[in-house]
Amino acid sequence: MRTEFDTQIAATTRDWARAVHPGSGIAASAEELERRFGSMIDELLVLAGSEPFPVPAARAIGRRLAEEPFERTRMLAPASRALLGFAPGEPGSLVATRWPFVASHAIDSYAEALQQRALALQERNLNAAVSVRVQEIAALQHRLQHEATHDALTDLANRSLLQERVLSMAADRTRGVGLLLIDLDDFKQVNDCYGHAVGDEVLVEISRRLRSAAPGEAVVSRYGGDEFVVALPAWRNTLREAAMRVLAALQEPIRTAAGPVPASASVGTAFCPANRACDFADLLRSADRAMYSAKTAGKRRFALAPVEDDEEDIDTGGLPTVALRYGAAVAG
């Protein structure tokens, strides 16, 4: 059979390969495409002369046209023209009569295979696009949530997140809640002397130092322009150590674009025992009063707010201790 149609098959496959190979991007050579396409035509010719009518076999051959190395070529139209234009045998012969039907089934199966591949690719691309979009939305939601709960300049927790975390700490009845209110000393002079850009540099560096000095379970918040709050699950006797670590972290001048800028703070601490209801506003007011006591006593120091009838302690972290009740200083 093959010898009878060799010349005709060779001409058909050569014309087809010339139509589909240029710019197809496939690794196979035009000669390799000719060989494979010619082999398929030869198989279809055998089927055209077979009994019973070989529809499944013809369609199986057509599906092979959608497989490697043909899958990257835009060859449906060229293949259709090549196969339907091929006219084997004498007119009226069995092969010549059946060939259009055999070729049509092969082309139809090839078109279906291409369609299925295109739909599968579209679905993969759609799933990938949806997955990317879902990730983008999740990232956006995370960023918006972060922006809603963090200070834009320092990336510290803002007031709302601070209150949320304090309430969460208060739910743990095994430990109390400690609060450190940190107010930078004479920060207005920094802005007046160096400008607000340098002031921002100072705030960012202060924030970094507070993060480093704070215990791992603490939340560090920028509460106001130059006010910071550190909240932590604690026992009362651990607040002094935490406050001293904060003061120590702020001793060194801060390097800025304008040169070194001195920094210090006054710290007020307040404590809510584990066996009491913790009201954030009351706790903050106690820490605020203690902080102002520390400022009144000379700045660069911390004060411990009293619990019940305890006196408030003011400590310089190495300097002589001074005991205060709110509004009156007594030498200690």
C-alpha atoms as a PDB file:
ATOM      1  CA  MET A   1       0.000   0.000   0.000  1.00  0.00           C
ATOM      2  CA  ARG A   2       2.757   2.453   1.033  1.00  0.00           C
ATOM      3  CA  THR A   3       4.771   1.988  -2.188  1.00  0.00           C
ATOM      4  CA  GLU A   4       1.724   2.796  -4.298  1.00  0.00           C
ATOM      5  CA  PHE A   5       1.245   6.203  -2.644  1.00  0.00           C
ATOM      6  CA  ASP A   6       4.809   7.092  -1.635  1.00  0.00           C
ATOM      7  CA  THR A   7       5.198  10.001  -4.042  1.00  0.00           C
ATOM      8  CA  GLN A   8       1.779  11.467  -3.220  1.00  0.00           C
ATOM      9  CA  ILE A   9       2.342  11.101   0.539  1.00  0.00           C
ATOM     10  CA  ALA A  10       5.793  12.675   0.323  1.00  0.00           C
ATOM     11  CA  ALA A  11       4.439  15.721  -1.518  1.00  0.00           C
ATOM     12  CA  THR A  12       1.556  16.116   0.949  1.00  0.00           C
ATOM     13  CA  THR A  13       3.741  15.831   4.061  1.00  0.00           C
ATOM     14  CA  ARG A  14       6.382  18.189   2.622  1.00  0.00           C
ATOM     15  CA  ASP A  15       3.797  20.884   1.906  1.00  0.00           C
ATOM     16  CA  TRP A  16       2.250  20.395   5.347  1.00  0.00           C
ATOM     17  CA  ALA A  17       5.594  20.615   7.176  1.00  0.00           C
ATOM     18  CA  ARG A  18       6.501  23.776   5.301  1.00  0.00           C
ATOM     19  CA  ALA A  19       3.209  25.303   6.404  1.00  0.00           C
ATOM     20  CA  VAL A  20       3.476  24.462  10.117  1.00  0.00           C
ATOM     21  CA  HIS A  21       7.186  24.290  10.990  1.00  0.00           C
ATOM     22  CA  PRO A  22       8.440  27.865  10.559  1.00  0.00           C
ATOM     23  CA  GLY A  23       7.964  29.781  13.800  1.00  0.00           C
ATOM     24  CA  SER A  24       6.411  26.807  15.597  1.00  0.00           C
ATOM     25  CA  GLY A  25       9.163  26.789  18.224  1.00  0.00           C
ATOM     26  CA  ILE A  26       9.299  22.973  18.387  1.00  0.00           C
ATOM     27  CA  ALA A  27      12.597  21.133  18.681  1.00  0.00           C
ATOM     28  CA  ALA A  28      11.785  18.507  16.019  1.00  0.00           C
ATOM     29  CA  SER A  29      13.059  19.209  12.507  1.00  0.00           C
ATOM     30  CA  ALA A  30      10.804  19.636   9.477  1.00  0.00           C
ATOM     31  CA  GLU A  31      12.049  16.264   8.252  1.00  0.00           C
ATOM     32  CA  GLU A  32      10.975  14.614  11.517  1.00  0.00           C
ATOM     33  CA  LEU A  33       7.525  16.191  11.214  1.00  0.00           C
ATOM     34  CA  GLU A  34       7.246  14.944   7.623  1.00  0.00           C
ATOM     35  CA  ARG A  35       8.174  11.426   8.695  1.00  0.00           C
ATOM     36  CA  ARG A  36       5.641  11.282  11.524  1.00  0.00           C
ATOM     37  CA  PHE A  37       2.816  12.864   9.540  1.00  0.00           C
ATOM     38  CA  GLY A  38       3.520  10.546   6.622  1.00  0.00           C
ATOM     39  CA  SER A  39       3.352   7.548   8.941  1.00  0.00           C
ATOM     40  CA  MET A  40      -0.081   8.664  10.131  1.00  0.00           C
ATOM     41  CA  ILE A  41      -1.344   9.089   6.558  1.00  0.00           C
ATOM     42  CA  ASP A  42      -0.080   5.607   5.771  1.00  0.00           C
ATOM     43  CA  GLU A  43      -1.968   4.181   8.781  1.00  0.00           C
ATOM     44  CA  LEU A  44      -5.135   5.985   7.729  1.00  0.00           C
ATOM     45  CA  LEU A  45      -4.808   4.526   4.216  1.00  0.00           C
ATOM     46  CA  VAL A  46      -4.675   1.039   5.699  1.00  0.00           C
ATOM     47  CA  LEU A  47      -7.806   1.804   7.706  1.00  0.00           C
ATOM     48  CA  ALA A  48      -9.583   3.126   4.602  1.00  0.00           C
ATOM     49  CA  GLY A  49      -9.301  -0.306   3.052  1.00  0.00           C
ATOM     50  CA  SER A  50     -10.332  -2.213   6.188  1.00  0.00           C
ATOM     51  CA  GLU A  51     -13.569  -3.857   7.241  1.00  0.00           C
ATOM     52  CA  PRO A  52     -15.552  -3.006   9.308  1.00  0.00           C
ATOM     53  CA  PHE A  53     -15.412   0.746   9.045  1.00  0.00           C
ATOM     54  CA  PRO A  54     -12.567   1.723  11.489  1.00  0.00           C
ATOM     55  CA  VAL A  55     -13.940   4.834  13.212  1.00  0.00           C
ATOM     56  CA  PRO A  56     -12.284   4.313  16.660  1.00  0.00           C
ATOM     57  CA  ALA A  57      -8.892   3.583  15.094  1.00  0.00           C
ATOM     58  CA  ALA A  58      -9.120   6.653  12.828  1.00  0.00           C
ATOM     59  CA  ARG A  59     -10.023   8.853  15.752  1.00  0.00           C
ATOM     60  CA  ALA A  60      -7.118   7.455  17.799  1.00  0.00           C
ATOM     61  CA  ILE A  61      -4.737   8.468  15.016  1.00  0.00           C
ATOM     62  CA  GLY A  62      -6.260  11.948  14.957  1.00  0.00           C
ATOM     63  CA  ARG A  63      -5.666  12.370  18.694  1.00  0.00           C
ATOM     64  CA  ARG A  64      -1.984  11.649  18.163  1.00  0.00           C
ATOM     65  CA  LEU A  65      -1.759  14.855  16.133  1.00  0.00           C
ATOM     66  CA  ALA A  66      -2.314  16.746  19.398  1.00  0.00           C
ATOM     67  CA  GLU A  67       0.634  15.008  21.070  1.00  0.00           C
ATOM     68  CA  GLU A  68       4.340  15.811  21.111  1.00  0.00           C
ATOM     69  CA  PRO A  69       5.936  17.120  18.950  1.00  0.00           C
ATOM     70  CA  PHE A  70       2.790  18.456  17.237  1.00  0.00           C
ATOM     71  CA  GLU A  71       1.188  20.011  20.326  1.00  0.00           C
ATOM     72  CA  ARG A  72       3.019  23.327  19.916  1.00  0.00           C
ATOM     73  CA  THR A  73       2.109  23.835  16.259  1.00  0.00           C
ATOM     74  CA  ARG A  74      -0.949  25.700  15.016  1.00  0.00           C
ATOM     75  CA  MET A  75      -1.686  22.929  12.574  1.00  0.00           C
ATOM     76  CA  LEU A  76      -5.393  22.104  12.617  1.00  0.00           C
ATOM     77  CA  ALA A  77      -6.177  24.026   9.446  1.00  0.00           C
ATOM     78  CA  PRO A  78      -3.024  22.842   7.600  1.00  0.00           C
ATOM     79  CA  ALA A  79      -3.689  19.250   8.692  1.00  0.00           C
ATOM     80  CA  SER A  80      -7.318  19.456   7.569  1.00  0.00           C
ATOM     81  CA  ARG A  81      -6.310  20.786   4.149  1.00  0.00           C
ATOM     82  CA  ALA A  82      -3.577  18.177   3.793  1.00  0.00           C
ATOM     83  CA  LEU A  83      -5.724  15.184   4.743  1.00  0.00           C
ATOM     84  CA  LEU A  84      -8.924  16.198   2.996  1.00  0.00           C
ATOM     85  CA  GLY A  85      -6.984  17.283  -0.097  1.00  0.00           C
ATOM     86  CA  PHE A  86      -5.247  13.941  -0.277  1.00  0.00           C
ATOM     87  CA  ALA A  87      -6.961  11.778  -2.952  1.00  0.00           C
ATOM     88  CA  PRO A  88      -5.611   8.200  -2.916  1.00  0.00           C
ATOM     89  CA  GLY A  89      -6.357   5.554  -5.515  1.00  0.00           C
ATOM     90  CA  GLU A  90      -8.582   5.532  -8.523  1.00  0.00           C
ATOM     91  CA  PRO A  91     -11.888   7.409  -8.260  1.00  0.00           C
ATOM     92  CA  GLY A  92     -14.568   4.968  -7.144  1.00  0.00           C
ATOM     93  CA  SER A  93     -12.122   2.582  -5.498  1.00  0.00           C
ATOM     94  CA  LEU A  94     -12.716   1.461  -1.895  1.00  0.00           C
ATOM     95  CA  VAL A  95      -9.781   3.491  -0.525  1.00  0.00           C
ATOM     96  CA  ALA A  96     -10.691   6.616  -2.528  1.00  0.00           C
ATOM     97  CA  THR A  97     -14.333   6.371  -1.450  1.00  0.00           C
ATOM     98  CA  ARG A  98     -13.633   5.807   2.214  1.00  0.00           C
ATOM     99  CA  TRP A  99     -10.678   8.172   2.562  1.00  0.00           C
ATOM    100  CA  PRO A 100     -12.728  11.399   3.164  1.00  0.00           C
ATOM    101  CA  PHE A 101     -14.652   9.678   5.958  1.00  0.00           C
ATOM    102  CA  VAL A 102     -11.548   8.209   7.604  1.00  0.00           C
ATOM    103  CA  ALA A 103      -9.700  11.523   7.301  1.00  0.00           C
ATOM    104  CA  SER A 104     -12.707  13.470   8.630  1.00  0.00           C
ATOM    105  CA  HIS A 105     -12.907  11.307  11.746  1.00  0.00           C
ATOM    106  CA  ALA A 106      -9.183  11.760  12.324  1.00  0.00           C
ATOM    107  CA  ILE A 107      -9.474  15.555  11.919  1.00  0.00           C
ATOM    108  CA  ASP A 108     -12.564  15.733  14.137  1.00  0.00           C
ATOM    109  CA  SER A 109     -10.800  13.762  16.875  1.00  0.00           C
ATOM    110  CA  TYR A 110      -7.735  15.968  16.532  1.00  0.00           C
ATOM    111  CA  ALA A 111      -9.885  19.104  16.883  1.00  0.00           C
ATOM    112  CA  GLU A 112     -11.550  17.688  20.010  1.00  0.00           C
ATOM    113  CA  ALA A 113      -8.156  16.869  21.508  1.00  0.00           C
ATOM    114  CA  LEU A 114      -6.945  20.395  20.831  1.00  0.00           C
ATOM    115  CA  GLN A 115     -10.105  21.800  22.385  1.00  0.00           C
ATOM    116  CA  GLN A 116      -9.683  19.645  25.490  1.00  0.00           C
ATOM    117  CA  ARG A 117      -6.041  20.726  25.810  1.00  0.00           C
ATOM    118  CA  ALA A 118      -7.032  24.376  25.411  1.00  0.00           C
ATOM    119  CA  LEU A 119      -9.768  24.058  28.054  1.00  0.00           C
ATOM    120  CA  ALA A 120      -7.407  22.297  30.435  1.00  0.00           C
ATOM    121  CA  LEU A 121      -4.789  24.995  29.902  1.00  0.00           C
ATOM    122  CA  GLN A 122      -7.409  27.691  30.389  1.00  0.00           C
ATOM    123  CA  GLU A 123      -8.564  26.038  33.608  1.00  0.00           C
ATOM    124  CA  ARG A 124      -4.988  25.793  34.887  1.00  0.00           C
ATOM    125  CA  ASN A 125      -4.364  29.427  34.008  1.00  0.00           C
ATOM    126  CA  LEU A 126      -7.660  30.428  35.603  1.00  0.00           C
ATOM    127  CA  ASN A 127      -6.887  28.452  38.759  1.00  0.00           C
ATOM    128  CA  ALA A 128      -3.434  29.986  38.859  1.00  0.00           C
ATOM    129  CA  ALA A 129      -4.887  33.455  38.338  1.00  0.00           C
ATOM    130  CA  VAL A 130      -7.507  32.846  41.028  1.00  0.00           C
ATOM    131  CA  SER A 131      -4.842  31.535  43.384  1.00  0.00           C
ATOM    132  CA  VAL A 132      -2.681  34.596  42.765  1.00  0.00           C
ATOM    133  CA  ARG A 133      -5.672  36.867  43.259  1.00  0.00           C
ATOM    134  CA  VAL A 134      -6.628  35.109  46.500  1.00  0.00           C
ATOM    135  CA  GLN A 135      -3.067  35.530  47.735  1.00  0.00           C
ATOM    136  CA  GLU A 136      -3.091  39.200  46.729  1.00  0.00           C
ATOM    137  CA  ILE A 137      -6.385  39.755  48.572  1.00  0.00           C
ATOM    138  CA  ALA A 138      -5.086  37.937  51.649  1.00  0.00           C
ATOM    139  CA  ALA A 139      -1.889  40.011  51.562  1.00  0.00           C
ATOM    140  CA  LEU A 140      -3.936  43.191  51.163  1.00  0.00           C
ATOM    141  CA  GLN A 141      -6.196  42.238  54.062  1.00  0.00           C
ATOM    142  CA  HIS A 142      -3.149  41.484  56.189  1.00  0.00           C
ATOM    143  CA  ARG A 143      -1.560  44.824  55.256  1.00  0.00           C
ATOM    144  CA  LEU A 144      -4.766  46.744  55.967  1.00  0.00           C
ATOM    145  CA  GLN A 145      -5.189  44.945  59.279  1.00  0.00           C
ATOM    146  CA  HIS A 146      -1.582  45.725  60.150  1.00  0.00           C
ATOM    147  CA  GLU A 147      -1.983  49.372  59.182  1.00  0.00           C
ATOM    148  CA  ALA A 148      -5.161  49.585  61.260  1.00  0.00           C
ATOM    149  CA  THR A 149      -3.371  48.350  64.382  1.00  0.00           C
ATOM    150  CA  HIS A 150       0.126  49.822  64.016  1.00  0.00           C
ATOM    151  CA  ASP A 151       1.708  53.254  64.025  1.00  0.00           C
ATOM    152  CA  ALA A 152       2.684  54.368  60.525  1.00  0.00           C
ATOM    153  CA  LEU A 153       6.061  55.866  61.501  1.00  0.00           C
ATOM    154  CA  THR A 154       7.444  53.360  63.995  1.00  0.00           C
ATOM    155  CA  ASP A 155       5.401  50.244  63.118  1.00  0.00           C
ATOM    156  CA  LEU A 156       4.694  49.803  66.822  1.00  0.00           C
ATOM    157  CA  ALA A 157       1.260  48.792  68.080  1.00  0.00           C
ATOM    158  CA  ASN A 158      -1.227  51.649  68.180  1.00  0.00           C
ATOM    159  CA  ARG A 159      -3.726  52.412  70.954  1.00  0.00           C
ATOM    160  CA  SER A 160      -6.403  49.989  69.776  1.00  0.00           C
ATOM    161  CA  LEU A 161      -4.017  47.046  69.560  1.00  0.00           C
ATOM    162  CA  LEU A 162      -2.473  47.977  72.926  1.00  0.00           C
ATOM    163  CA  GLN A 163      -5.879  47.893  74.636  1.00  0.00           C
ATOM    164  CA  GLU A 164      -6.735  44.602  72.951  1.00  0.00           C
ATOM    165  CA  ARG A 165      -3.485  43.029  74.107  1.00  0.00           C
ATOM    166  CA  VAL A 166      -3.875  44.322  77.669  1.00  0.00           C
ATOM    167  CA  LEU A 167      -7.359  42.785  77.865  1.00  0.00           C
ATOM    168  CA  SER A 168      -5.906  39.517  76.598  1.00  0.00           C
ATOM    169  CA  MET A 169      -3.166  39.615  79.237  1.00  0.00           C
ATOM    170  CA  ALA A 170      -5.717  40.379  81.952  1.00  0.00           C
ATOM    171  CA  ALA A 171      -7.606  37.208  81.046  1.00  0.00           C
ATOM    172  CA  ASP A 172      -4.645  35.179  82.334  1.00  0.00           C
ATOM    173  CA  ARG A 173      -5.320  34.903  86.078  1.00  0.00           C
ATOM    174  CA  THR A 174      -1.882  33.447  86.863  1.00  0.00           C
ATOM    175  CA  ARG A 175      -0.097  36.776  86.432  1.00  0.00           C
ATOM    176  CA  GLY A 176      -0.903  40.430  86.712  1.00  0.00           C
ATOM    177  CA  VAL A 177      -0.554  43.105  84.043  1.00  0.00           C
ATOM    178  CA  GLY A 178       2.211  45.671  84.121  1.00  0.00           C
ATOM    179  CA  LEU A 179       2.210  48.959  82.231  1.00  0.00           C
ATOM    180  CA  LEU A 180       5.177  51.235  81.548  1.00  0.00           C
ATOM    181  CA  LEU A 181       4.358  54.721  80.290  1.00  0.00           C
ATOM    182  CA  ILE A 182       7.471  56.218  78.679  1.00  0.00           C
ATOM    183  CA  ASP A 183       7.590  59.939  77.941  1.00  0.00           C
ATOM    184  CA  LEU A 184      10.668  61.304  76.165  1.00  0.00           C
ATOM    185  CA  ASP A 185      12.345  64.140  78.034  1.00  0.00           C
ATOM    186  CA  ASP A 186      12.467  67.494  76.242  1.00  0.00           C
ATOM    187  CA  PHE A 187      11.530  66.005  72.874  1.00  0.00           C
ATOM    188  CA  LYS A 188      10.017  69.313  71.738  1.00  0.00           C
ATOM    189  CA  GLN A 189      13.531  70.770  71.801  1.00  0.00           C
ATOM    190  CA  VAL A 190      14.688  68.055  69.410  1.00  0.00           C
ATOM    191  CA  ASN A 191      12.036  69.059  66.872  1.00  0.00           C
ATOM    192  CA  ASP A 192      12.743  72.772  67.422  1.00  0.00           C
ATOM    193  CA  CYS A 193      16.527  72.462  67.131  1.00  0.00           C
ATOM    194  CA  TYR A 194      16.917  69.756  64.485  1.00  0.00           C
ATOM    195  CA  GLY A 195      13.607  69.716  62.621  1.00  0.00           C
ATOM    196  CA  HIS A 196      10.807  67.191  62.439  1.00  0.00           C
ATOM    197  CA  ALA A 197      12.658  64.893  60.029  1.00  0.00           C
ATOM    198  CA  VAL A 198      15.389  64.357  62.613  1.00  0.00           C
ATOM    199  CA  GLY A 199      12.687  64.062  65.269  1.00  0.00           C
ATOM    200  CA  ASP A 200      11.189  61.209  63.266  1.00  0.00           C
ATOM    201  CA  GLU A 201      14.604  59.521  63.099  1.00  0.00           C
ATOM    202  CA  VAL A 202      14.817  59.752  66.883  1.00  0.00           C
ATOM    203  CA  LEU A 203      11.342  58.244  67.317  1.00  0.00           C
ATOM    204  CA  VAL A 204      12.142  55.354  64.986  1.00  0.00           C
ATOM    205  CA  GLU A 205      15.378  54.583  66.833  1.00  0.00           C
ATOM    206  CA  ILE A 206      13.657  54.889  70.218  1.00  0.00           C
ATOM    207  CA  SER A 207      11.077  52.393  68.958  1.00  0.00           C
ATOM    208  CA  ARG A 208      13.798  49.963  67.908  1.00  0.00           C
ATOM    209  CA  ARG A 209      15.508  50.215  71.294  1.00  0.00           C
ATOM    210  CA  LEU A 210      12.252  49.699  73.165  1.00  0.00           C
ATOM    211  CA  ARG A 211      11.534  46.568  71.175  1.00  0.00           C
ATOM    212  CA  SER A 212      14.975  45.237  72.080  1.00  0.00           C
ATOM    213  CA  ALA A 213      14.628  46.129  75.751  1.00  0.00           C
ATOM    214  CA  ALA A 214      11.076  44.823  76.222  1.00  0.00           C
ATOM    215  CA  PRO A 215      10.465  41.204  77.323  1.00  0.00           C
ATOM    216  CA  GLY A 216       9.345  38.776  74.669  1.00  0.00           C
ATOM    217  CA  GLU A 217       5.703  38.682  75.810  1.00  0.00           C
ATOM    218  CA  ALA A 218       5.400  42.469  75.960  1.00  0.00           C
ATOM    219  CA  VAL A 219       3.590  44.677  73.470  1.00  0.00           C
ATOM    220  CA  VAL A 220       5.305  47.977  72.672  1.00  0.00           C
ATOM    221  CA  SER A 221       3.050  50.815  71.568  1.00  0.00           C
ATOM    222  CA  ARG A 222       3.467  54.373  70.396  1.00  0.00           C
ATOM    223  CA  TYR A 223       0.677  55.978  72.372  1.00  0.00           C
ATOM    224  CA  GLY A 224       1.171  59.612  71.406  1.00  0.00           C
ATOM    225  CA  GLY A 225       3.634  61.930  69.712  1.00  0.00           C
ATOM    226  CA  ASP A 226       6.527  61.234  72.100  1.00  0.00           C
ATOM    227  CA  GLU A 227       4.819  58.811  74.461  1.00  0.00           C
ATOM    228  CA  PHE A 228       5.269  55.054  74.381  1.00  0.00           C
ATOM    229  CA  VAL A 229       3.643  52.296  76.394  1.00  0.00           C
ATOM    230  CA  VAL A 230       4.988  48.845  77.139  1.00  0.00           C
ATOM    231  CA  ALA A 231       2.441  46.349  78.471  1.00  0.00           C
ATOM    232  CA  LEU A 232       3.475  42.937  79.732  1.00  0.00           C
ATOM    233  CA  PRO A 233       2.187  40.032  81.798  1.00  0.00           C
ATOM    234  CA  ALA A 234       4.148  40.419  85.035  1.00  0.00           C
ATOM    235  CA  TRP A 235       4.472  40.289  88.784  1.00  0.00           C
ATOM    236  CA  ARG A 236       4.879  43.564  90.624  1.00  0.00           C
ATOM    237  CA  ASN A 237       8.504  42.893  91.538  1.00  0.00           C
ATOM    238  CA  THR A 238       9.455  42.530  87.846  1.00  0.00           C
ATOM    239  CA  LEU A 239       8.326  46.030  86.831  1.00  0.00           C
ATOM    240  CA  ARG A 240      11.362  47.705  88.395  1.00  0.00           C
ATOM    241  CA  GLU A 241      13.683  45.551  86.289  1.00  0.00           C
ATOM    242  CA  ALA A 242      11.684  46.242  83.124  1.00  0.00           C
ATOM    243  CA  ALA A 243      11.744  49.999  83.760  1.00  0.00           C
ATOM    244  CA  MET A 244      15.497  49.963  84.403  1.00  0.00           C
ATOM    245  CA  ARG A 245      16.078  48.120  81.140  1.00  0.00           C
ATOM    246  CA  VAL A 246      14.080  50.783  79.313  1.00  0.00           C
ATOM    247  CA  LEU A 247      16.080  53.621  80.901  1.00  0.00           C
ATOM    248  CA  ALA A 248      19.338  51.843  80.110  1.00  0.00           C
ATOM    249  CA  ALA A 249      18.309  51.403  76.469  1.00  0.00           C
ATOM    250  CA  LEU A 250      17.751  55.155  76.122  1.00  0.00           C
ATOM    251  CA  GLN A 251      20.998  56.359  77.683  1.00  0.00           C
ATOM    252  CA  GLU A 252      23.133  56.541  74.541  1.00  0.00           C
ATOM    253  CA  PRO A 253      22.723  59.468  72.093  1.00  0.00           C
ATOM    254  CA  ILE A 254      20.927  58.668  68.867  1.00  0.00           C
ATOM    255  CA  ARG A 255      22.778  58.964  65.586  1.00  0.00           C
ATOM    256  CA  THR A 256      20.861  60.975  63.032  1.00  0.00           C
ATOM    257  CA  ALA A 257      21.500  62.795  59.769  1.00  0.00           C
ATOM    258  CA  ALA A 258      22.164  65.918  61.859  1.00  0.00           C
ATOM    259  CA  GLY A 259      24.603  64.123  64.148  1.00  0.00           C
ATOM    260  CA  PRO A 260      24.166  62.561  67.607  1.00  0.00           C
ATOM    261  CA  VAL A 261      21.026  63.638  69.442  1.00  0.00           C
ATOM    262  CA  PRO A 262      20.751  63.088  73.208  1.00  0.00           C
ATOM    263  CA  ALA A 263      17.763  61.074  74.381  1.00  0.00           C
ATOM    264  CA  SER A 264      16.268  60.214  77.723  1.00  0.00           C
ATOM    265  CA  ALA A 265      12.861  59.416  79.173  1.00  0.00           C
ATOM    266  CA  SER A 266      10.780  59.456  82.305  1.00  0.00           C
ATOM    267  CA  VAL A 267       8.948  56.240  82.998  1.00  0.00           C
ATOM    268  CA  GLY A 268       5.868  55.615  85.087  1.00  0.00           C
ATOM    269  CA  THR A 269       4.766  52.078  85.841  1.00  0.00           C
ATOM    270  CA  ALA A 270       1.468  50.705  87.047  1.00  0.00           C
ATOM    271  CA  PHE A 271       0.440  47.200  88.012  1.00  0.00           C
ATOM    272  CA  CYS A 272      -2.828  45.303  88.171  1.00  0.00           C
ATOM    273  CA  PRO A 273      -2.635  42.117  90.277  1.00  0.00           C
ATOM    274  CA  ALA A 274      -3.858  38.838  88.857  1.00  0.00           C
ATOM    275  CA  ASN A 275      -6.788  38.569  91.260  1.00  0.00           C
ATOM    276  CA  ARG A 276      -8.351  41.930  90.307  1.00  0.00           C
ATOM    277  CA  ALA A 277     -10.376  43.213  87.373  1.00  0.00           C
ATOM    278  CA  CYS A 278      -8.059  45.120  85.074  1.00  0.00           C
ATOM    279  CA  ASP A 279      -9.368  48.415  83.740  1.00  0.00           C
ATOM    280  CA  PHE A 280      -7.053  49.705  81.019  1.00  0.00           C
ATOM    281  CA  ALA A 281      -8.008  53.360  81.498  1.00  0.00           C
ATOM    282  CA  ASP A 282      -7.371  53.210  85.252  1.00  0.00           C
ATOM    283  CA  LEU A 283      -4.082  51.412  84.729  1.00  0.00           C
ATOM    284  CA  LEU A 284      -2.971  54.017  82.212  1.00  0.00           C
ATOM    285  CA  ARG A 285      -3.944  56.884  84.509  1.00  0.00           C
ATOM    286  CA  SER A 286      -1.892  55.370  87.335  1.00  0.00           C
ATOM    287  CA  ALA A 287       1.120  54.974  85.042  1.00  0.00           C
ATOM    288  CA  ASP A 288       0.654  58.538  83.807  1.00  0.00           C
ATOM    289  CA  ARG A 289       0.637  59.956  87.335  1.00  0.00           C
ATOM    290  CA  ALA A 290       3.736  57.936  88.169  1.00  0.00           C
ATOM    291  CA  MET A 291       5.468  59.204  85.026  1.00  0.00           C
ATOM    292  CA  TYR A 292       4.800  62.833  85.969  1.00  0.00           C
ATOM    293  CA  SER A 293       6.165  62.126  89.438  1.00  0.00           C
ATOM    294  CA  ALA A 294       9.352  60.847  87.801  1.00  0.00           C
ATOM    295  CA  LYS A 295       9.580  63.994  85.674  1.00  0.00           C
ATOM    296  CA  THR A 296       9.012  66.225  88.698  1.00  0.00           C
ATOM    297  CA  ALA A 297      11.785  64.390  90.537  1.00  0.00           C
ATOM    298  CA  GLY A 298      14.306  65.297  87.819  1.00  0.00           C
ATOM    299  CA  LYS A 299      13.590  63.168  84.720  1.00  0.00           C
ATOM    300  CA  ARG A 300      15.753  60.260  83.463  1.00  0.00           C
ATOM    301  CA  ARG A 301      14.183  57.972  86.065  1.00  0.00           C
ATOM    302  CA  PHE A 302      11.145  55.829  86.712  1.00  0.00           C
ATOM    303  CA  ALA A 303       8.371  55.732  89.287  1.00  0.00           C
ATOM    304  CA  LEU A 304       6.317  52.789  90.495  1.00  0.00           C
ATOM    305  CA  ALA A 305       2.672  53.644  90.990  1.00  0.00           C
ATOM    306  CA  PRO A 306       1.243  52.420  94.324  1.00  0.00           C
ATOM    307  CA  VAL A 307      -1.048  49.455  94.636  1.00  0.00           C
ATOM    308  CA  GLU A 308      -3.680  50.146  97.309  1.00  0.00           C
ATOM    309  CA  ASP A 309      -1.831  52.036 100.067  1.00  0.00           C
ATOM    310  CA  ASP A 310       1.727  51.345  98.842  1.00  0.00           C
ATOM    311  CA  GLU A 311       3.960  54.346  98.416  1.00  0.00           C
ATOM    312  CA  GLU A 312       5.214  55.176  94.973  1.00  0.00           C
ATOM    313  CA  ASP A 313       8.906  54.524  94.406  1.00  0.00           C
ATOM    314  CA  ILE A 314      11.037  56.739  92.217  1.00  0.00           C
ATOM    315  CA  ASP A 315      14.263  55.252  90.953  1.00  0.00           C
ATOM    316  CA  THR A 316      17.095  56.656  88.891  1.00  0.00           C
ATOM    317  CA  GLY A 317      18.689  53.316  88.255  1.00  0.00           C
ATOM    318  CA  GLY A 318      21.787  53.866  90.343  1.00  0.00           C
ATOM    319  CA  LEU A 319      21.176  57.325  91.807  1.00  0.00           C
ATOM    320  CA  PRO A 320      19.842  57.765  95.378  1.00  0.00           C
ATOM    321  CA  THR A 321      16.232  56.651  95.695  1.00  0.00           C
ATOM    322  CA  VAL A 322      13.506  59.205  96.493  1.00  0.00           C
ATOM    323  CA  ALA A 323      10.142  58.177  97.943  1.00  0.00           C
ATOM    324  CA  LEU A 324       7.096  60.220  96.888  1.00  0.00           C
ATOM    325  CA  ARG A 325       3.445  60.376  97.490  1.00  0.00           C
ATOM    326  CA  TYR A 326       1.596  62.149  94.693  1.00  0.00           C
ATOM    327  CA  GLY A 327       2.149  65.887  95.084  1.00  0.00           C
ATOM    328  CA  ALA A 328       4.697  65.812  97.936  1.00  0.00           C
ATOM    329  CA  ALA A 329       8.375  64.822  97.918  1.00  0.00           C
ATOM    330  CA  VAL A 330      10.145  63.441 100.955  1.00  0.00           C
ATOM    331  CA  ALA A 331      13.886  62.774 101.166  1.00  0.00           C
ATOM    332  CA  GLY A 332      14.582  59.058 101.370  1.00  0.00           C
END
